[in-house]
C-alpha atoms as a PDB file:
ATOM      1  CA  MET A   1     102.102 187.475 106.861  1.00  0.00           C
ATOM      2  CA  SER A   2     101.984 190.327 109.396  1.00  0.00           C
ATOM      3  CA  GLY A   3     101.313 189.890 113.089  1.00  0.00           C
ATOM      4  CA  ILE A   4      97.849 191.489 112.724  1.00  0.00           C
ATOM      5  CA  GLN A   5      96.927 189.097 109.906  1.00  0.00           C
ATOM      6  CA  GLU A   6      98.103 186.122 111.971  1.00  0.00           C
ATOM      7  CA  LEU A   7      96.026 187.329 114.928  1.00  0.00           C
ATOM      8  CA  ASN A   8      92.944 187.734 112.739  1.00  0.00           C
ATOM      9  CA  LEU A   9      93.459 184.233 111.298  1.00  0.00           C
ATOM     10  CA  ILE A  10      93.720 182.751 114.801  1.00  0.00           C
ATOM     11  CA  GLU A  11      90.539 184.581 115.879  1.00  0.00           C
ATOM     12  CA  GLN A  12      88.696 183.281 112.802  1.00  0.00           C
ATOM     13  CA  GLN A  13      89.822 179.713 113.522  1.00  0.00           C
ATOM     14  CA  GLU A  14      88.734 180.017 117.165  1.00  0.00           C
ATOM     15  CA  ALA A  15      85.341 181.381 116.060  1.00  0.00           C
ATOM     16  CA  ILE A  16      84.895 178.455 113.644  1.00  0.00           C
ATOM     17  CA  MET A  17      85.842 175.938 116.351  1.00  0.00           C
ATOM     18  CA  ALA A  18      83.457 177.575 118.827  1.00  0.00           C
ATOM     19  CA  LYS A  19      80.657 177.407 116.268  1.00  0.00           C
ATOM     20  CA  ILE A  20      81.344 173.707 115.669  1.00  0.00           C
ATOM     21  CA  GLN A  21      81.602 172.835 119.364  1.00  0.00           C
ATOM     22  CA  HIS A  22      78.520 174.794 120.501  1.00  0.00           C
ATOM     23  CA  ARG A  23      76.064 174.118 117.687  1.00  0.00           C
ATOM     24  CA  LYS A  24      72.566 174.534 119.097  1.00  0.00           C
ATOM     25  CA  LEU A  25      69.963 171.790 118.970  1.00  0.00           C
ATOM     26  CA  THR A  26      66.910 172.398 116.816  1.00  0.00           C
ATOM     27  CA  LYS A  27      63.523 172.824 118.529  1.00  0.00           C
ATOM     28  CA  ARG A  28      62.457 169.442 117.154  1.00  0.00           C
ATOM     29  CA  LYS A  29      65.548 167.767 118.651  1.00  0.00           C
ATOM     30  CA  ILE A  30      65.009 169.496 121.994  1.00  0.00           C
ATOM     31  CA  PHE A  31      61.355 168.399 122.101  1.00  0.00           C
ATOM     32  CA  GLN A  32      62.322 164.825 121.146  1.00  0.00           C
ATOM     33  CA  ARG A  33      65.000 164.745 123.845  1.00  0.00           C
ATOM     34  CA  ILE A  34      62.666 166.081 126.543  1.00  0.00           C
ATOM     35  CA  LEU A  35      59.885 163.664 125.580  1.00  0.00           C
ATOM     36  CA  LEU A  36      62.091 160.548 125.535  1.00  0.00           C
ATOM     37  CA  ILE A  37      64.045 161.436 128.683  1.00  0.00           C
ATOM     38  CA  THR A  38      60.685 161.944 130.425  1.00  0.00           C
ATOM     39  CA  LEU A  39      59.518 158.541 129.171  1.00  0.00           C
ATOM     40  CA  GLY A  40      62.799 156.876 130.192  1.00  0.00           C
ATOM     41  CA  ALA A  41      62.757 158.360 133.712  1.00  0.00           C
ATOM     42  CA  ALA A  42      59.081 157.389 134.126  1.00  0.00           C
ATOM     43  CA  LEU A  43      59.832 153.798 133.078  1.00  0.00           C
ATOM     44  CA  MET A  44      62.686 153.603 135.568  1.00  0.00           C
ATOM     45  CA  ALA A  45      60.336 154.859 138.300  1.00  0.00           C
ATOM     46  CA  VAL A  46      57.840 152.114 137.347  1.00  0.00           C
ATOM     47  CA  GLY A  47      60.571 149.454 137.398  1.00  0.00           C
ATOM     48  CA  LEU A  48      61.641 150.555 140.868  1.00  0.00           C
ATOM     49  CA  GLU A  49      58.350 151.269 142.669  1.00  0.00           C
ATOM     50  CA  ILE A  50      56.043 148.740 140.975  1.00  0.00           C
ATOM     51  CA  PHE A  51      58.446 145.793 140.768  1.00  0.00           C
ATOM     52  CA  LEU A  52      61.782 145.967 142.614  1.00  0.00           C
ATOM     53  CA  VAL A  53      61.454 148.127 145.751  1.00  0.00           C
ATOM     54  CA  PRO A  54      58.262 146.487 147.166  1.00  0.00           C
ATOM     55  CA  ASN A  55      60.027 143.111 146.905  1.00  0.00           C
ATOM     56  CA  ASN A  56      63.260 144.368 148.546  1.00  0.00           C
ATOM     57  CA  VAL A  57      65.276 143.937 145.353  1.00  0.00           C
ATOM     58  CA  ILE A  58      67.744 146.688 144.443  1.00  0.00           C
ATOM     59  CA  ASP A  59      69.597 147.924 141.393  1.00  0.00           C
ATOM     60  CA  GLY A  60      73.269 148.828 141.284  1.00  0.00           C
ATOM     61  CA  GLY A  61      74.872 152.260 141.566  1.00  0.00           C
ATOM     62  CA  ILE A  62      73.475 155.310 143.324  1.00  0.00           C
ATOM     63  CA  THR A  63      69.964 153.892 142.867  1.00  0.00           C
ATOM     64  CA  GLY A  64      70.872 150.842 144.958  1.00  0.00           C
ATOM     65  CA  ILE A  65      72.322 153.023 147.718  1.00  0.00           C
ATOM     66  CA  SER A  66      69.164 155.184 147.654  1.00  0.00           C
ATOM     67  CA  ILE A  67      66.897 152.126 147.981  1.00  0.00           C
ATOM     68  CA  MET A  68      68.834 150.831 151.013  1.00  0.00           C
ATOM     69  CA  LEU A  69      68.906 154.259 152.700  1.00  0.00           C
ATOM     70  CA  SER A  70      65.161 154.651 152.093  1.00  0.00           C
ATOM     71  CA  TYR A  71      64.531 151.208 153.637  1.00  0.00           C
ATOM     72  CA  ILE A  72      66.707 151.955 156.701  1.00  0.00           C
ATOM     73  CA  THR A  73      65.423 155.493 157.399  1.00  0.00           C
ATOM     74  CA  GLY A  74      61.832 155.194 156.158  1.00  0.00           C
ATOM     75  CA  TRP A  75      62.256 158.373 154.105  1.00  0.00           C
ATOM     76  CA  LYS A  76      61.081 158.731 150.501  1.00  0.00           C
ATOM     77  CA  LEU A  77      63.193 157.033 147.827  1.00  0.00           C
ATOM     78  CA  GLY A  78      62.786 160.042 145.511  1.00  0.00           C
ATOM     79  CA  MET A  79      64.510 162.323 148.011  1.00  0.00           C
ATOM     80  CA  PHE A  80      67.630 160.140 148.177  1.00  0.00           C
ATOM     81  CA  LEU A  81      67.713 159.703 144.390  1.00  0.00           C
ATOM     82  CA  PHE A  82      67.713 163.477 143.969  1.00  0.00           C
ATOM     83  CA  ILE A  83      70.155 164.383 146.767  1.00  0.00           C
ATOM     84  CA  LEU A  84      72.746 161.668 146.000  1.00  0.00           C
ATOM     85  CA  ASN A  85      72.748 162.375 142.272  1.00  0.00           C
ATOM     86  CA  ILE A  86      73.035 166.179 142.507  1.00  0.00           C
ATOM     87  CA  PRO A  87      76.867 166.157 142.959  1.00  0.00           C
ATOM     88  CA  PHE A  88      77.155 164.198 139.718  1.00  0.00           C
ATOM     89  CA  PHE A  89      75.239 166.937 137.918  1.00  0.00           C
ATOM     90  CA  PHE A  90      78.142 169.312 138.606  1.00  0.00           C
ATOM     91  CA  ILE A  91      80.775 166.661 137.811  1.00  0.00           C
ATOM     92  CA  GLY A  92      78.993 165.845 134.542  1.00  0.00           C
ATOM     93  CA  TYR A  93      78.875 169.544 133.669  1.00  0.00           C
ATOM     94  CA  LYS A  94      82.665 169.790 133.936  1.00  0.00           C
ATOM     95  CA  GLN A  95      83.563 166.388 132.499  1.00  0.00           C
ATOM     96  CA  ILE A  96      81.060 165.983 129.642  1.00  0.00           C
ATOM     97  CA  GLY A  97      79.237 169.263 129.025  1.00  0.00           C
ATOM     98  CA  LYS A  98      76.291 171.546 129.655  1.00  0.00           C
ATOM     99  CA  THR A  99      73.728 169.691 127.522  1.00  0.00           C
ATOM    100  CA  PHE A 100      74.511 166.363 129.209  1.00  0.00           C
ATOM    101  CA  ALA A 101      74.335 167.938 132.675  1.00  0.00           C
ATOM    102  CA  LEU A 102      70.969 169.619 132.039  1.00  0.00           C
ATOM    103  CA  SER A 103      69.527 166.437 130.481  1.00  0.00           C
ATOM    104  CA  THR A 104      70.735 164.474 133.517  1.00  0.00           C
ATOM    105  CA  LEU A 105      69.279 166.976 135.997  1.00  0.00           C
ATOM    106  CA  TYR A 106      65.914 166.922 134.217  1.00  0.00           C
ATOM    107  CA  GLY A 107      65.889 163.104 134.138  1.00  0.00           C
ATOM    108  CA  ILE A 108      66.712 162.878 137.848  1.00  0.00           C
ATOM    109  CA  ILE A 109      63.934 165.343 138.731  1.00  0.00           C
ATOM    110  CA  ILE A 110      61.369 163.329 136.732  1.00  0.00           C
ATOM    111  CA  LEU A 111      62.653 160.086 138.312  1.00  0.00           C
ATOM    112  CA  SER A 112      62.401 161.510 141.847  1.00  0.00           C
ATOM    113  CA  ILE A 113      58.862 162.824 141.257  1.00  0.00           C
ATOM    114  CA  GLY A 114      57.844 159.560 139.567  1.00  0.00           C
ATOM    115  CA  THR A 115      59.005 157.339 142.443  1.00  0.00           C
ATOM    116  CA  THR A 116      57.250 159.600 144.959  1.00  0.00           C
ATOM    117  CA  LEU A 117      53.947 159.479 143.046  1.00  0.00           C
ATOM    118  CA  LEU A 118      54.143 155.706 142.475  1.00  0.00           C
ATOM    119  CA  HIS A 119      55.151 154.794 146.042  1.00  0.00           C
ATOM    120  CA  PRO A 120      51.545 154.234 147.276  1.00  0.00           C
ATOM    121  CA  VAL A 121      50.763 151.998 144.272  1.00  0.00           C
ATOM    122  CA  PRO A 122      50.826 148.285 145.228  1.00  0.00           C
ATOM    123  CA  ALA A 123      53.394 145.943 143.655  1.00  0.00           C
ATOM    124  CA  PHE A 124      52.358 144.466 140.319  1.00  0.00           C
ATOM    125  CA  THR A 125      53.379 140.982 141.472  1.00  0.00           C
ATOM    126  CA  GLN A 126      54.492 139.301 144.687  1.00  0.00           C
ATOM    127  CA  ASP A 127      56.388 136.613 142.773  1.00  0.00           C
ATOM    128  CA  ILE A 128      59.996 137.536 143.511  1.00  0.00           C
ATOM    129  CA  LEU A 129      61.433 136.068 140.296  1.00  0.00           C
ATOM    130  CA  LEU A 130      58.843 137.758 138.049  1.00  0.00           C
ATOM    131  CA  ALA A 131      59.374 141.055 139.878  1.00  0.00           C
ATOM    132  CA  THR A 132      63.153 140.738 139.470  1.00  0.00           C
ATOM    133  CA  VAL A 133      63.116 139.954 135.740  1.00  0.00           C
ATOM    134  CA  PHE A 134      60.386 142.377 134.659  1.00  0.00           C
ATOM    135  CA  GLY A 135      61.627 145.098 137.020  1.00  0.00           C
ATOM    136  CA  GLY A 136      65.086 144.768 135.467  1.00  0.00           C
ATOM    137  CA  LEU A 137      63.610 144.888 131.942  1.00  0.00           C
ATOM    138  CA  VAL A 138      61.481 147.987 132.525  1.00  0.00           C
ATOM    139  CA  LEU A 139      64.260 149.750 134.408  1.00  0.00           C
ATOM    140  CA  GLY A 140      66.800 148.871 131.700  1.00  0.00           C
ATOM    141  CA  ILE A 141      64.592 150.238 128.904  1.00  0.00           C
ATOM    142  CA  GLY A 142      64.115 153.473 130.862  1.00  0.00           C
ATOM    143  CA  VAL A 143      67.808 153.994 131.619  1.00  0.00           C
ATOM    144  CA  GLY A 144      68.752 153.050 128.051  1.00  0.00           C
ATOM    145  CA  LEU A 145      66.369 155.653 126.589  1.00  0.00           C
ATOM    146  CA  VAL A 146      67.796 158.400 128.780  1.00  0.00           C
ATOM    147  CA  ILE A 147      71.405 157.482 127.897  1.00  0.00           C
ATOM    148  CA  ARG A 148      70.541 157.222 124.190  1.00  0.00           C
ATOM    149  CA  TYR A 149      69.143 160.746 124.221  1.00  0.00           C
ATOM    150  CA  GLY A 150      71.978 162.412 126.056  1.00  0.00           C
ATOM    151  CA  GLY A 151      71.435 162.084 129.790  1.00  0.00           C
ATOM    152  CA  SER A 152      71.996 159.794 132.766  1.00  0.00           C
ATOM    153  CA  LEU A 153      69.922 158.632 135.732  1.00  0.00           C
ATOM    154  CA  ASP A 154      72.773 157.348 137.884  1.00  0.00           C
ATOM    155  CA  GLY A 155      76.056 159.002 138.791  1.00  0.00           C
ATOM    156  CA  THR A 156      78.071 155.771 138.933  1.00  0.00           C
ATOM    157  CA  GLU A 157      79.475 156.049 135.409  1.00  0.00           C
ATOM    158  CA  ILE A 158      80.404 159.717 135.886  1.00  0.00           C
ATOM    159  CA  LEU A 159      82.182 158.768 139.119  1.00  0.00           C
ATOM    160  CA  ALA A 160      83.986 155.933 137.327  1.00  0.00           C
ATOM    161  CA  ILE A 161      85.183 158.332 134.596  1.00  0.00           C
ATOM    162  CA  LEU A 162      86.526 160.650 137.301  1.00  0.00           C
ATOM    163  CA  PHE A 163      88.379 157.850 139.159  1.00  0.00           C
ATOM    164  CA  ASN A 164      89.628 156.337 135.897  1.00  0.00           C
ATOM    165  CA  ASN A 165      92.298 159.062 135.676  1.00  0.00           C
ATOM    166  CA  LYS A 166      93.613 158.188 139.144  1.00  0.00           C
ATOM    167  CA  LEU A 167      93.262 154.388 139.301  1.00  0.00           C
ATOM    168  CA  PRO A 168      94.839 151.654 137.127  1.00  0.00           C
ATOM    169  CA  PHE A 169      91.414 150.268 136.158  1.00  0.00           C
ATOM    170  CA  SER A 170      89.083 150.819 133.213  1.00  0.00           C
ATOM    171  CA  VAL A 171      85.727 152.604 133.590  1.00  0.00           C
ATOM    172  CA  GLY A 172      83.912 149.271 133.198  1.00  0.00           C
ATOM    173  CA  GLU A 173      86.001 147.598 135.917  1.00  0.00           C
ATOM    174  CA  ILE A 174      85.416 150.471 138.360  1.00  0.00           C
ATOM    175  CA  ILE A 175      81.644 150.312 137.745  1.00  0.00           C
ATOM    176  CA  MET A 176      81.689 146.530 138.260  1.00  0.00           C
ATOM    177  CA  PHE A 177      83.605 146.758 141.578  1.00  0.00           C
ATOM    178  CA  PHE A 178      81.339 149.551 142.794  1.00  0.00           C
ATOM    179  CA  ASN A 179      78.143 147.661 141.937  1.00  0.00           C
ATOM    180  CA  LEU A 180      79.349 144.354 143.403  1.00  0.00           C
ATOM    181  CA  PHE A 181      80.038 146.196 146.665  1.00  0.00           C
ATOM    182  CA  ILE A 182      76.545 147.770 146.661  1.00  0.00           C
ATOM    183  CA  LEU A 183      74.800 144.510 145.765  1.00  0.00           C
ATOM    184  CA  GLY A 184      76.795 142.768 148.511  1.00  0.00           C
ATOM    185  CA  CYS A 185      75.588 145.343 151.035  1.00  0.00           C
ATOM    186  CA  ALA A 186      72.016 144.378 150.127  1.00  0.00           C
ATOM    187  CA  GLY A 187      72.684 141.037 151.801  1.00  0.00           C
ATOM    188  CA  PHE A 188      73.210 142.775 155.142  1.00  0.00           C
ATOM    189  CA  VAL A 189      70.336 145.259 154.758  1.00  0.00           C
ATOM    190  CA  PHE A 190      67.719 142.817 153.426  1.00  0.00           C
ATOM    191  CA  SER A 191      68.760 139.164 153.142  1.00  0.00           C
ATOM    192  CA  TRP A 192      71.235 137.168 151.069  1.00  0.00           C
ATOM    193  CA  ASP A 193      68.571 135.704 148.822  1.00  0.00           C
ATOM    194  CA  ARG A 194      67.413 139.278 148.054  1.00  0.00           C
ATOM    195  CA  ALA A 195      71.021 140.187 147.264  1.00  0.00           C
ATOM    196  CA  MET A 196      71.170 137.311 144.761  1.00  0.00           C
ATOM    197  CA  TYR A 197      67.879 138.387 143.182  1.00  0.00           C
ATOM    198  CA  SER A 198      69.292 141.923 143.013  1.00  0.00           C
ATOM    199  CA  LEU A 199      72.253 140.558 141.056  1.00  0.00           C
ATOM    200  CA  ILE A 200      69.824 138.990 138.549  1.00  0.00           C
ATOM    201  CA  ALA A 201      67.886 142.268 138.265  1.00  0.00           C
ATOM    202  CA  TYR A 202      71.130 144.181 137.688  1.00  0.00           C
ATOM    203  CA  PHE A 203      72.233 141.758 134.950  1.00  0.00           C
ATOM    204  CA  VAL A 204      68.834 141.911 133.191  1.00  0.00           C
ATOM    205  CA  ALA A 205      68.841 145.723 133.369  1.00  0.00           C
ATOM    206  CA  TYR A 206      72.449 145.904 132.122  1.00  0.00           C
ATOM    207  CA  LYS A 207      71.718 143.794 129.027  1.00  0.00           C
ATOM    208  CA  THR A 208      68.453 145.649 128.345  1.00  0.00           C
ATOM    209  CA  ILE A 209      70.280 148.991 128.516  1.00  0.00           C
ATOM    210  CA  ASP A 210      72.718 147.757 125.848  1.00  0.00           C
ATOM    211  CA  ILE A 211      69.891 146.634 123.551  1.00  0.00           C
ATOM    212  CA  THR A 212      67.973 149.897 124.054  1.00  0.00           C
ATOM    213  CA  ILE A 213      71.023 152.048 123.284  1.00  0.00           C
ATOM    214  CA  THR A 214      72.287 150.098 120.251  1.00  0.00           C
ATOM    215  CA  GLY A 215      68.920 148.888 118.923  1.00  0.00           C
ATOM    216  CA  LEU A 216      67.863 145.459 117.712  1.00  0.00           C
ATOM    217  CA  ASP A 217      69.086 145.922 114.136  1.00  0.00           C
ATOM    218  CA  GLU A 218      72.577 144.478 114.505  1.00  0.00           C
ATOM    219  CA  SER A 219      74.753 145.823 111.699  1.00  0.00           C
ATOM    220  CA  LYS A 220      78.237 144.606 110.871  1.00  0.00           C
ATOM    221  CA  SER A 221      81.188 146.302 109.199  1.00  0.00           C
ATOM    222  CA  VAL A 222      83.166 144.216 106.719  1.00  0.00           C
ATOM    223  CA  TRP A 223      86.744 144.717 105.530  1.00  0.00           C
ATOM    224  CA  ILE A 224      88.015 142.618 102.609  1.00  0.00           C
ATOM    225  CA  ILE A 225      91.507 142.616 101.077  1.00  0.00           C
ATOM    226  CA  SER A 226      91.825 140.683  97.830  1.00  0.00           C
ATOM    227  CA  ASP A 227      93.487 140.753  94.413  1.00  0.00           C
ATOM    228  CA  ASN A 228      89.964 140.266  93.013  1.00  0.00           C
ATOM    229  CA  ALA A 229      88.518 143.292  94.816  1.00  0.00           C
ATOM    230  CA  LYS A 230      86.519 144.588  91.853  1.00  0.00           C
ATOM    231  CA  GLN A 231      84.933 141.194  91.229  1.00  0.00           C
ATOM    232  CA  ILE A 232      83.997 140.781  94.898  1.00  0.00           C
ATOM    233  CA  GLY A 233      82.699 144.353  95.112  1.00  0.00           C
ATOM    234  CA  ASN A 234      80.474 143.930  92.064  1.00  0.00           C
ATOM    235  CA  ALA A 235      79.125 140.635  93.438  1.00  0.00           C
ATOM    236  CA  ILE A 236      78.269 142.296  96.796  1.00  0.00           C
ATOM    237  CA  MET A 237      76.416 145.129  95.014  1.00  0.00           C
ATOM    238  CA  ASN A 238      74.535 142.841  92.623  1.00  0.00           C
ATOM    239  CA  ARG A 239      73.813 139.839  94.867  1.00  0.00           C
ATOM    240  CA  LEU A 240      73.386 141.540  98.246  1.00  0.00           C
ATOM    241  CA  GLY A 241      72.226 144.970  97.115  1.00  0.00           C
ATOM    242  CA  ARG A 242      74.777 146.648  99.388  1.00  0.00           C
ATOM    243  CA  GLY A 243      77.011 149.574  98.465  1.00  0.00           C
ATOM    244  CA  VAL A 244      80.769 149.146  98.789  1.00  0.00           C
ATOM    245  CA  THR A 245      83.712 151.530  99.123  1.00  0.00           C
ATOM    246  CA  TYR A 246      87.153 150.847  97.651  1.00  0.00           C
ATOM    247  CA  ILE A 247      90.143 152.056  99.647  1.00  0.00           C
ATOM    248  CA  ASN A 248      93.717 152.079  98.341  1.00  0.00           C
ATOM    249  CA  GLY A 249      96.141 150.232 100.622  1.00  0.00           C
ATOM    250  CA  GLU A 250      99.701 148.973 100.653  1.00  0.00           C
ATOM    251  CA  GLY A 251     101.038 145.725 102.095  1.00  0.00           C
ATOM    252  CA  ALA A 252     103.590 146.562 104.783  1.00  0.00           C
ATOM    253  CA  TYR A 253     105.603 143.363 104.198  1.00  0.00           C
ATOM    254  CA  SER A 254     105.317 143.000 100.408  1.00  0.00           C
ATOM    255  CA  GLY A 255     104.986 146.673  99.486  1.00  0.00           C
ATOM    256  CA  ASP A 256     102.306 145.720  96.930  1.00  0.00           C
ATOM    257  CA  ASP A 257      99.356 147.997  96.220  1.00  0.00           C
ATOM    258  CA  LYS A 258      96.104 146.529  97.537  1.00  0.00           C
ATOM    259  CA  LYS A 259      92.439 147.320  97.106  1.00  0.00           C
ATOM    260  CA  VAL A 260      90.487 147.229 100.367  1.00  0.00           C
ATOM    261  CA  ILE A 261      86.714 146.784 100.262  1.00  0.00           C
ATOM    262  CA  PHE A 262      84.582 148.269 103.018  1.00  0.00           C
ATOM    263  CA  CYS A 263      80.835 147.665 103.370  1.00  0.00           C
ATOM    264  CA  VAL A 264      78.107 147.415 105.999  1.00  0.00           C
ATOM    265  CA  ILE A 265      75.656 144.511 106.158  1.00  0.00           C
ATOM    266  CA  ASN A 266      73.156 143.085 108.637  1.00  0.00           C
ATOM    267  CA  ARG A 267      73.730 139.829 110.501  1.00  0.00           C
ATOM    268  CA  LEU A 268      71.438 137.800 108.204  1.00  0.00           C
ATOM    269  CA  GLU A 269      73.622 138.683 105.218  1.00  0.00           C
ATOM    270  CA  GLU A 270      76.926 137.624 106.783  1.00  0.00           C
ATOM    271  CA  ALA A 271      76.830 133.993 105.571  1.00  0.00           C
ATOM    272  CA  LYS A 272      75.979 135.075 102.005  1.00  0.00           C
ATOM    273  CA  LEU A 273      78.792 137.612 101.982  1.00  0.00           C
ATOM    274  CA  LYS A 274      81.327 135.008 103.115  1.00  0.00           C
ATOM    275  CA  GLU A 275      80.124 132.745 100.327  1.00  0.00           C
ATOM    276  CA  ILE A 276      80.608 135.543  97.760  1.00  0.00           C
ATOM    277  CA  VAL A 277      84.157 136.237  98.984  1.00  0.00           C
ATOM    278  CA  THR A 278      85.155 132.556  99.028  1.00  0.00           C
ATOM    279  CA  GLU A 279      83.824 131.988  95.495  1.00  0.00           C
ATOM    280  CA  SER A 280      85.925 134.855  94.108  1.00  0.00           C
ATOM    281  CA  ASP A 281      89.067 134.443  96.217  1.00  0.00           C
ATOM    282  CA  ASP A 282      89.319 131.743  98.889  1.00  0.00           C
ATOM    283  CA  SER A 283      92.567 133.302 100.173  1.00  0.00           C
ATOM    284  CA  ALA A 284      91.088 136.797 100.636  1.00  0.00           C
ATOM    285  CA  PHE A 285      91.498 138.538 103.988  1.00  0.00           C
ATOM    286  CA  LEU A 286      88.083 139.067 105.608  1.00  0.00           C
ATOM    287  CA  ALA A 287      87.308 140.899 108.873  1.00  0.00           C
ATOM    288  CA  VAL A 288      83.782 141.294 110.284  1.00  0.00           C
ATOM    289  CA  ALA A 289      82.903 143.444 113.311  1.00  0.00           C
ATOM    290  CA  ASP A 290      79.722 144.515 115.105  1.00  0.00           C
ATOM    291  CA  ILE A 291      78.513 148.113 114.739  1.00  0.00           C
ATOM    292  CA  ALA A 292      76.349 149.857 117.324  1.00  0.00           C
ATOM    293  CA  GLU A 293      74.700 152.298 114.909  1.00  0.00           C
ATOM    294  CA  VAL A 294      74.685 153.259 111.220  1.00  0.00           C
ATOM    295  CA  ARG A 295      73.475 156.586 109.854  1.00  0.00           C
ATOM    296  CA  GLY A 296      73.665 158.437 106.562  1.00  0.00           C
ATOM    297  CA  GLY A 297      75.546 157.356 103.475  1.00  0.00           C
ATOM    298  CA  ARG A 298      74.008 154.670 101.287  1.00  0.00           C
ATOM    299  CA  PHE A 299      73.441 151.955 103.859  1.00  0.00           C
ATOM    300  CA  LYS A 300      69.862 151.421 102.729  1.00  0.00           C
ATOM    301  CA  LYS A 301      69.616 148.114 100.883  1.00  0.00           C
ATOM    302  CA  LYS A 302      68.828 148.171  97.163  1.00  0.00           C
ATOM    303  CA  ASP A 303      66.365 145.769  95.591  1.00  0.00           C
ATOM    304  CA  ILE A 304      67.899 142.608  94.113  1.00  0.00           C
ATOM    305  CA  HIS A 305      66.495 141.504  90.756  1.00  0.00           C
END
């Protein structure tokens, strides 16, 4: 192959990679993303201004810092949310990409406007526990929607990703340390009972974010290694209505050829699947793991007759 041909081949490969990496979103996807990020940011604004902020309860991250600065200075919360999150727009652009950065900037703008408009609205409840729990729920749903559709409303995670390369801690550990420090500061700014309520609100929001991102339909991946793989696979298809995939494997110790079964089920089907495997081969290797999301393929359950 000549040097010119090699150069042309490299250019073609680069063009293909660029096309793959920069595939544009369809208009429908863009509209869906805008709509749901708007909804998510609006819900977060409601959680803050209608529940948490009037009762001096804060959330973690940049939002928590913004709430405390707004309380100390008397300035609008929306202004601090916008100003403190702007640096993370540029960091997110470099670390994650243009689409993420623009989605984040849009979400932050909607959040800042939303908190400003809702600030004069009286608190929904004066009961501190109700405000903490429901504020955390509403805020968590809002943040989860924005994350699920490609944006962020708080720069803490972006900051943690940046520091992760320089510190001997995971992203999750950095976020935890950062938030514990912020929630601790709430004890000095407000009171220690408000700091403890803030911890409850943060926990409720954290769990709600997880549920919103992953959904309520908890799917599980199943790996089965057995000498009776065909029998087990047929039983899963006929008795559970689930599709299976056979994968050829080899035992590292024995060197024997093995059939590996892979399938996806929901949590209600786990007990039945274990029963099927035990009936066919009580010494079979079985591994079950949680899955955040399943798309495509033939995951849809068939009718059982």
